[in-house]
Structures are given as C-alpha cells and as structure tokens.
Amino acid sequence: MFQVRIHGRGGQGVVTAAELLSIAAFQEGKYAQAFPSFGSERMGAPVTAFCRIDEKPIRLREVIVAPDALIIQDATLLLSVPLFDGLADSGYVLINSVQPFVHLNLGRLGESFDPARCRTLPATKLGLEFTGRPIPNAALLGGFAALSGVLKIDSVAAAIMSKFPGAIGEKNVAAARSAYELIIERNIACAQAS
C-alpha cells in the first residue's frame, strides 16, 4: 500500500487533491481511499488530507501516521506544523515553493531524506500561469506523478477532467502536465550531476 499525506491551508484544494489522487488510482484499476482531517474549518487554517493507493481492497480507516509521500501545498507550514512525522528516510517529499529543497532551512531534518526523492515545485506560480488562480493542487499532482511514479500523468489528467470538465479542467491539466515536465527535467539534471 502507498500512503500519501497532503498538508496545506483551507482554500488551497487540499481535500480535492486527495480526491483527485484516488480518482487517478481508480483510472489505473487500483483501489484507493481519500479523506480529510480538519481543525477549524476556515479559509487559511491548516488542513490535512490523506490518500491510500493499493492493488487490493483497503480496509484501514485511520489517519496516515507513516506516509510514503508528503505533498506540502503551503511552505509556511514548515515552521508551524510537524509535517515530517512518520515519514521514512526513503519517503517522497514535494513542497510548493520557488526555493530549492536545500534552501528551505530544514536543518538536519532535510539532510536525512534522499535528495532524489525531495523536490520543490512553484505550484502556486503554475496555478496562476495556467488557471489565473493561486491554487497549487493540480500542479502538485502532476509533480507528484513525476516524482514518485506511483501514478501516470495521463491518469492524473483524466481525474482532473472528470472532476472539472471543460475549460477549467483543461487549464488545470495544463498546469499538471507542466509541473510533471518540470520535475522530470529536475530529476534528469540531478542524476547527471551525481
């Protein structure tokens, strides 16, 4: 089973991102489960959502305490919420930031993770560029597909279109595909530098 925990703030599409991951998994014939965890339900409040993906039916119903991947939609949470709790050193981390991962001042915490599995992505910027709105979730899902290889970008695109048909969906798919390509390019550059 592959488990994803998504952290962000109310209004950033955190819950929708988990739902879209599950739809993308269904597109590939996998089993999936997505659900949120709210604190105070208001715009800007920290929100966490979860997604499990597996080849067989999923019986678990509790929150994900040991994720295989983290998607962090708001880098300001790095200073206020214990985002990395439970993540194995071999886990994937994707953070919405224009700064490179090594410049996020994570200290020893950042050094413990495999640098090939940790990336930043200017997802809010891509959201603005493609949709005209500062919503990072579609771009982050495209980046997640590239970073982890757990889902195909075409499945992510189909999930977005099933939830948002028409021009809105097409713009979000464009953001997701652009993010996917950006992460692929960064992965190639990282491999060549090694």
C-alpha atoms as a PDB file:
ATOM      1  CA  MET A   1       0.000   0.000   0.000  1.00  0.00           C
ATOM      2  CA  PHE A   2       1.222   3.504  -0.862  1.00  0.00           C
ATOM      3  CA  GLN A   3       0.122   6.239   1.541  1.00  0.00           C
ATOM      4  CA  VAL A   4       0.138   9.975   0.836  1.00  0.00           C
ATOM      5  CA  ARG A   5      -0.399  12.777   3.331  1.00  0.00           C
ATOM      6  CA  ILE A   6      -1.201  16.224   1.963  1.00  0.00           C
ATOM      7  CA  HIS A   7      -0.732  19.358   4.080  1.00  0.00           C
ATOM      8  CA  GLY A   8      -1.972  22.796   3.180  1.00  0.00           C
ATOM      9  CA  ARG A   9      -4.342  25.547   4.176  1.00  0.00           C
ATOM     10  CA  GLY A  10      -8.073  25.912   3.739  1.00  0.00           C
ATOM     11  CA  GLY A  11      -8.856  27.173   0.252  1.00  0.00           C
ATOM     12  CA  GLN A  12      -5.826  25.601  -1.457  1.00  0.00           C
ATOM     13  CA  GLY A  13      -7.639  22.479  -2.637  1.00  0.00           C
ATOM     14  CA  VAL A  14      -6.030  20.041  -0.184  1.00  0.00           C
ATOM     15  CA  VAL A  15      -9.120  17.827   0.077  1.00  0.00           C
ATOM     16  CA  THR A  16      -9.680  17.976  -3.672  1.00  0.00           C
ATOM     17  CA  ALA A  17      -6.062  16.937  -4.270  1.00  0.00           C
ATOM     18  CA  ALA A  18      -6.538  13.761  -2.208  1.00  0.00           C
ATOM     19  CA  GLU A  19      -9.780  13.026  -4.021  1.00  0.00           C
ATOM     20  CA  LEU A  20      -8.132  13.515  -7.419  1.00  0.00           C
ATOM     21  CA  LEU A  21      -5.283  11.165  -6.447  1.00  0.00           C
ATOM     22  CA  SER A  22      -7.842   8.494  -5.598  1.00  0.00           C
ATOM     23  CA  ILE A  23      -9.698   9.038  -8.881  1.00  0.00           C
ATOM     24  CA  ALA A  24      -6.403   8.763 -10.790  1.00  0.00           C
ATOM     25  CA  ALA A  25      -5.690   5.474  -8.999  1.00  0.00           C
ATOM     26  CA  PHE A  26      -9.161   4.188  -9.956  1.00  0.00           C
ATOM     27  CA  GLN A  27      -8.361   5.166 -13.565  1.00  0.00           C
ATOM     28  CA  GLU A  28      -5.446   2.720 -13.384  1.00  0.00           C
ATOM     29  CA  GLY A  29      -7.554  -0.094 -11.934  1.00  0.00           C
ATOM     30  CA  LYS A  30      -6.199   0.334  -8.407  1.00  0.00           C
ATOM     31  CA  TYR A  31      -8.027   0.636  -5.129  1.00  0.00           C
ATOM     32  CA  ALA A  32      -7.907   3.980  -3.377  1.00  0.00           C
ATOM     33  CA  GLN A  33      -9.231   5.849  -0.405  1.00  0.00           C
ATOM     34  CA  ALA A  34      -9.188   9.609   0.218  1.00  0.00           C
ATOM     35  CA  PHE A  35     -10.359  11.560   3.253  1.00  0.00           C
ATOM     36  CA  PRO A  36      -9.646  14.851   5.058  1.00  0.00           C
ATOM     37  CA  SER A  37      -8.877  15.887   8.608  1.00  0.00           C
ATOM     38  CA  PHE A  38      -9.976  19.368   9.600  1.00  0.00           C
ATOM     39  CA  GLY A  39      -9.156  21.581  12.530  1.00  0.00           C
ATOM     40  CA  SER A  40     -11.098  24.804  12.427  1.00  0.00           C
ATOM     41  CA  GLU A  41     -12.895  24.864   9.113  1.00  0.00           C
ATOM     42  CA  ARG A  42     -11.966  28.277   7.814  1.00  0.00           C
ATOM     43  CA  MET A  43     -10.028  29.766   4.962  1.00  0.00           C
ATOM     44  CA  GLY A  44      -6.299  29.701   5.715  1.00  0.00           C
ATOM     45  CA  ALA A  45      -6.454  27.198   8.582  1.00  0.00           C
ATOM     46  CA  PRO A  46      -4.148  24.151   8.363  1.00  0.00           C
ATOM     47  CA  VAL A  47      -5.807  21.213   6.612  1.00  0.00           C
ATOM     48  CA  THR A  48      -4.557  17.672   6.154  1.00  0.00           C
ATOM     49  CA  ALA A  49      -5.903  15.137   3.669  1.00  0.00           C
ATOM     50  CA  PHE A  50      -4.928  11.533   3.103  1.00  0.00           C
ATOM     51  CA  CYS A  51      -4.877   9.105   0.186  1.00  0.00           C
ATOM     52  CA  ARG A  52      -4.123   5.395   0.159  1.00  0.00           C
ATOM     53  CA  ILE A  53      -3.450   3.502  -3.077  1.00  0.00           C
ATOM     54  CA  ASP A  54      -3.190  -0.270  -3.350  1.00  0.00           C
ATOM     55  CA  GLU A  55      -3.589  -3.206  -5.696  1.00  0.00           C
ATOM     56  CA  LYS A  56      -6.075  -4.834  -3.319  1.00  0.00           C
ATOM     57  CA  PRO A  57      -9.057  -3.573  -1.284  1.00  0.00           C
ATOM     58  CA  ILE A  58      -8.162  -1.170   1.516  1.00  0.00           C
ATOM     59  CA  ARG A  59      -9.592  -1.986   4.931  1.00  0.00           C
ATOM     60  CA  LEU A  60      -7.800   0.677   7.031  1.00  0.00           C
ATOM     61  CA  ARG A  61      -9.839   3.679   8.107  1.00  0.00           C
ATOM     62  CA  GLU A  62      -7.491   5.677  10.327  1.00  0.00           C
ATOM     63  CA  VAL A  63      -5.353   8.701   9.525  1.00  0.00           C
ATOM     64  CA  ILE A  64      -1.975   8.091   7.911  1.00  0.00           C
ATOM     65  CA  VAL A  65       0.784   8.359  10.502  1.00  0.00           C
ATOM     66  CA  ALA A  66       3.567   6.728   8.434  1.00  0.00           C
ATOM     67  CA  PRO A  67       3.225   8.161   4.909  1.00  0.00           C
ATOM     68  CA  ASP A  68       5.245   7.065   1.901  1.00  0.00           C
ATOM     69  CA  ALA A  69       4.916  10.574   0.481  1.00  0.00           C
ATOM     70  CA  LEU A  70       4.190  14.097   1.632  1.00  0.00           C
ATOM     71  CA  ILE A  71       2.731  16.812  -0.554  1.00  0.00           C
ATOM     72  CA  ILE A  72       3.061  20.183   1.149  1.00  0.00           C
ATOM     73  CA  GLN A  73       0.898  22.816  -0.507  1.00  0.00           C
ATOM     74  CA  ASP A  74       1.999  25.706   1.714  1.00  0.00           C
ATOM     75  CA  ALA A  75       5.650  26.072   2.729  1.00  0.00           C
ATOM     76  CA  THR A  76       4.725  28.369   5.640  1.00  0.00           C
ATOM     77  CA  LEU A  77       3.533  25.222   7.420  1.00  0.00           C
ATOM     78  CA  LEU A  78       7.152  24.025   7.580  1.00  0.00           C
ATOM     79  CA  LEU A  79       7.678  26.294  10.582  1.00  0.00           C
ATOM     80  CA  SER A  80       4.458  25.602  12.456  1.00  0.00           C
ATOM     81  CA  VAL A  81       3.306  22.010  11.910  1.00  0.00           C
ATOM     82  CA  PRO A  82       5.290  18.742  12.401  1.00  0.00           C
ATOM     83  CA  LEU A  83       4.867  17.783   8.742  1.00  0.00           C
ATOM     84  CA  PHE A  84       7.578  15.154   8.533  1.00  0.00           C
ATOM     85  CA  ASP A  85       6.403  12.996  11.453  1.00  0.00           C
ATOM     86  CA  GLY A  86       6.306   9.343  10.465  1.00  0.00           C
ATOM     87  CA  LEU A  87       7.925   9.781   7.047  1.00  0.00           C
ATOM     88  CA  ALA A  88      10.648   7.224   6.375  1.00  0.00           C
ATOM     89  CA  ASP A  89      14.029   8.428   5.121  1.00  0.00           C
ATOM     90  CA  SER A  90      13.138   6.798   1.779  1.00  0.00           C
ATOM     91  CA  GLY A  91       9.852   8.737   1.514  1.00  0.00           C
ATOM     92  CA  TYR A  92       8.956  11.269  -1.153  1.00  0.00           C
ATOM     93  CA  VAL A  93       8.550  14.958  -0.346  1.00  0.00           C
ATOM     94  CA  LEU A  94       7.079  17.536  -2.707  1.00  0.00           C
ATOM     95  CA  ILE A  95       6.834  21.118  -1.440  1.00  0.00           C
ATOM     96  CA  ASN A  96       5.131  24.063  -3.111  1.00  0.00           C
ATOM     97  CA  SER A  97       7.993  26.563  -3.148  1.00  0.00           C
ATOM     98  CA  VAL A  98      10.072  28.563  -5.576  1.00  0.00           C
ATOM     99  CA  GLN A  99      13.129  27.825  -3.398  1.00  0.00           C
ATOM    100  CA  PRO A 100      15.183  24.651  -3.986  1.00  0.00           C
ATOM    101  CA  PHE A 101      14.700  21.983  -1.293  1.00  0.00           C
ATOM    102  CA  VAL A 102      18.192  22.547   0.115  1.00  0.00           C
ATOM    103  CA  HIS A 103      17.403  26.246   0.711  1.00  0.00           C
ATOM    104  CA  LEU A 104      14.319  25.665   2.867  1.00  0.00           C
ATOM    105  CA  ASN A 105      16.346  25.691   6.116  1.00  0.00           C
ATOM    106  CA  LEU A 106      15.129  22.305   7.293  1.00  0.00           C
ATOM    107  CA  GLY A 107      18.452  21.706   9.055  1.00  0.00           C
ATOM    108  CA  ARG A 108      19.301  18.134   9.979  1.00  0.00           C
ATOM    109  CA  LEU A 109      15.781  17.056   9.085  1.00  0.00           C
ATOM    110  CA  GLY A 110      16.340  17.932   5.445  1.00  0.00           C
ATOM    111  CA  GLU A 111      19.666  16.074   5.424  1.00  0.00           C
ATOM    112  CA  SER A 112      18.077  12.788   6.485  1.00  0.00           C
ATOM    113  CA  PHE A 113      15.998  12.386   3.316  1.00  0.00           C
ATOM    114  CA  ASP A 114      17.142  11.034  -0.051  1.00  0.00           C
ATOM    115  CA  PRO A 115      17.682  14.176  -2.176  1.00  0.00           C
ATOM    116  CA  ALA A 116      16.473  12.331  -5.289  1.00  0.00           C
ATOM    117  CA  ARG A 117      13.068  11.938  -3.619  1.00  0.00           C
ATOM    118  CA  CYS A 118      12.694  15.514  -2.352  1.00  0.00           C
ATOM    119  CA  ARG A 119      11.680  18.328  -4.666  1.00  0.00           C
ATOM    120  CA  THR A 120      10.142  21.744  -4.622  1.00  0.00           C
ATOM    121  CA  LEU A 121       7.798  22.986  -7.295  1.00  0.00           C
ATOM    122  CA  PRO A 122       6.499  26.529  -7.929  1.00  0.00           C
ATOM    123  CA  ALA A 123       2.949  25.174  -7.934  1.00  0.00           C
ATOM    124  CA  THR A 124       1.191  28.396  -6.965  1.00  0.00           C
ATOM    125  CA  LYS A 125       3.027  30.175  -9.773  1.00  0.00           C
ATOM    126  CA  LEU A 126       1.972  27.439 -12.220  1.00  0.00           C
ATOM    127  CA  GLY A 127      -1.613  27.669 -10.968  1.00  0.00           C
ATOM    128  CA  LEU A 128      -1.626  31.404 -11.625  1.00  0.00           C
ATOM    129  CA  GLU A 129       0.016  30.977 -15.012  1.00  0.00           C
ATOM    130  CA  PHE A 130      -2.378  28.338 -16.319  1.00  0.00           C
ATOM    131  CA  THR A 131      -5.644  28.981 -14.469  1.00  0.00           C
ATOM    132  CA  GLY A 132      -5.364  32.571 -13.306  1.00  0.00           C
ATOM    133  CA  ARG A 133      -5.859  31.422  -9.698  1.00  0.00           C
ATOM    134  CA  PRO A 134      -3.242  30.744  -6.969  1.00  0.00           C
ATOM    135  CA  ILE A 135      -4.433  27.173  -6.414  1.00  0.00           C
ATOM    136  CA  PRO A 136      -1.436  24.764  -6.348  1.00  0.00           C
ATOM    137  CA  ASN A 137      -3.123  21.361  -6.192  1.00  0.00           C
ATOM    138  CA  ALA A 138      -3.278  20.370  -9.884  1.00  0.00           C
ATOM    139  CA  ALA A 139       0.371  21.303 -10.440  1.00  0.00           C
ATOM    140  CA  LEU A 140       1.414  19.401  -7.317  1.00  0.00           C
ATOM    141  CA  LEU A 141      -0.424  16.287  -8.503  1.00  0.00           C
ATOM    142  CA  GLY A 142       1.443  16.421 -11.815  1.00  0.00           C
ATOM    143  CA  GLY A 143       4.699  16.886  -9.917  1.00  0.00           C
ATOM    144  CA  PHE A 144       3.821  14.003  -7.609  1.00  0.00           C
ATOM    145  CA  ALA A 145       3.239  11.703 -10.598  1.00  0.00           C
ATOM    146  CA  ALA A 146       6.694  12.581 -11.956  1.00  0.00           C
ATOM    147  CA  LEU A 147       8.496  12.348  -8.618  1.00  0.00           C
ATOM    148  CA  SER A 148       7.009   9.104  -7.328  1.00  0.00           C
ATOM    149  CA  GLY A 149       5.995   7.198 -10.445  1.00  0.00           C
ATOM    150  CA  VAL A 150       3.038   5.826  -8.456  1.00  0.00           C
ATOM    151  CA  LEU A 151       0.515   7.233 -10.945  1.00  0.00           C
ATOM    152  CA  LYS A 152       0.710   8.139 -14.614  1.00  0.00           C
ATOM    153  CA  ILE A 153       0.282  11.757 -15.674  1.00  0.00           C
ATOM    154  CA  ASP A 154      -2.496  10.699 -18.063  1.00  0.00           C
ATOM    155  CA  SER A 155      -4.431   9.231 -15.120  1.00  0.00           C
ATOM    156  CA  VAL A 156      -3.981  12.471 -13.178  1.00  0.00           C
ATOM    157  CA  ALA A 157      -5.204  14.423 -16.222  1.00  0.00           C
ATOM    158  CA  ALA A 158      -8.244  12.145 -16.588  1.00  0.00           C
ATOM    159  CA  ALA A 159      -9.047  12.557 -12.884  1.00  0.00           C
ATOM    160  CA  ILE A 160      -8.895  16.350 -13.192  1.00  0.00           C
ATOM    161  CA  MET A 161     -11.141  16.323 -16.260  1.00  0.00           C
ATOM    162  CA  SER A 162     -13.660  14.030 -14.565  1.00  0.00           C
ATOM    163  CA  LYS A 163     -13.966  16.452 -11.639  1.00  0.00           C
ATOM    164  CA  PHE A 164     -13.684  19.694 -13.648  1.00  0.00           C
ATOM    165  CA  PRO A 165     -14.915  19.166 -17.229  1.00  0.00           C
ATOM    166  CA  GLY A 166     -14.413  21.894 -19.791  1.00  0.00           C
ATOM    167  CA  ALA A 167     -12.050  24.850 -19.850  1.00  0.00           C
ATOM    168  CA  ILE A 168     -11.332  24.832 -16.092  1.00  0.00           C
ATOM    169  CA  GLY A 169     -10.256  21.198 -16.253  1.00  0.00           C
ATOM    170  CA  GLU A 170      -8.148  21.793 -19.360  1.00  0.00           C
ATOM    171  CA  LYS A 171      -6.303  24.661 -17.679  1.00  0.00           C
ATOM    172  CA  ASN A 172      -5.636  22.553 -14.585  1.00  0.00           C
ATOM    173  CA  VAL A 173      -4.436  19.667 -16.746  1.00  0.00           C
ATOM    174  CA  ALA A 174      -2.035  22.071 -18.487  1.00  0.00           C
ATOM    175  CA  ALA A 175      -0.678  23.107 -15.063  1.00  0.00           C
ATOM    176  CA  ALA A 176      -0.307  19.450 -14.024  1.00  0.00           C
ATOM    177  CA  ARG A 177       1.488  18.498 -17.246  1.00  0.00           C
ATOM    178  CA  SER A 178       3.827  21.494 -16.991  1.00  0.00           C
ATOM    179  CA  ALA A 179       4.686  20.528 -13.392  1.00  0.00           C
ATOM    180  CA  TYR A 180       5.222  16.923 -14.460  1.00  0.00           C
ATOM    181  CA  GLU A 181       7.725  18.020 -17.121  1.00  0.00           C
ATOM    182  CA  LEU A 182       9.473  20.375 -14.705  1.00  0.00           C
ATOM    183  CA  ILE A 183      10.037  17.590 -12.151  1.00  0.00           C
ATOM    184  CA  ILE A 184      11.223  15.190 -14.880  1.00  0.00           C
ATOM    185  CA  GLU A 185      13.747  17.823 -16.034  1.00  0.00           C
ATOM    186  CA  ARG A 186      14.947  18.350 -12.460  1.00  0.00           C
ATOM    187  CA  ASN A 187      15.276  14.607 -11.912  1.00  0.00           C
ATOM    188  CA  ILE A 188      17.397  14.290 -15.069  1.00  0.00           C
ATOM    189  CA  ALA A 189      19.572  17.257 -14.039  1.00  0.00           C
ATOM    190  CA  CYS A 190      20.026  15.777 -10.543  1.00  0.00           C
ATOM    191  CA  ALA A 191      21.009  12.387 -11.987  1.00  0.00           C
ATOM    192  CA  GLN A 192      23.520  13.966 -14.360  1.00  0.00           C
ATOM    193  CA  ALA A 193      25.079  15.976 -11.530  1.00  0.00           C
ATOM    194  CA  SER A 194      25.636  12.824  -9.448  1.00  0.00           C
END
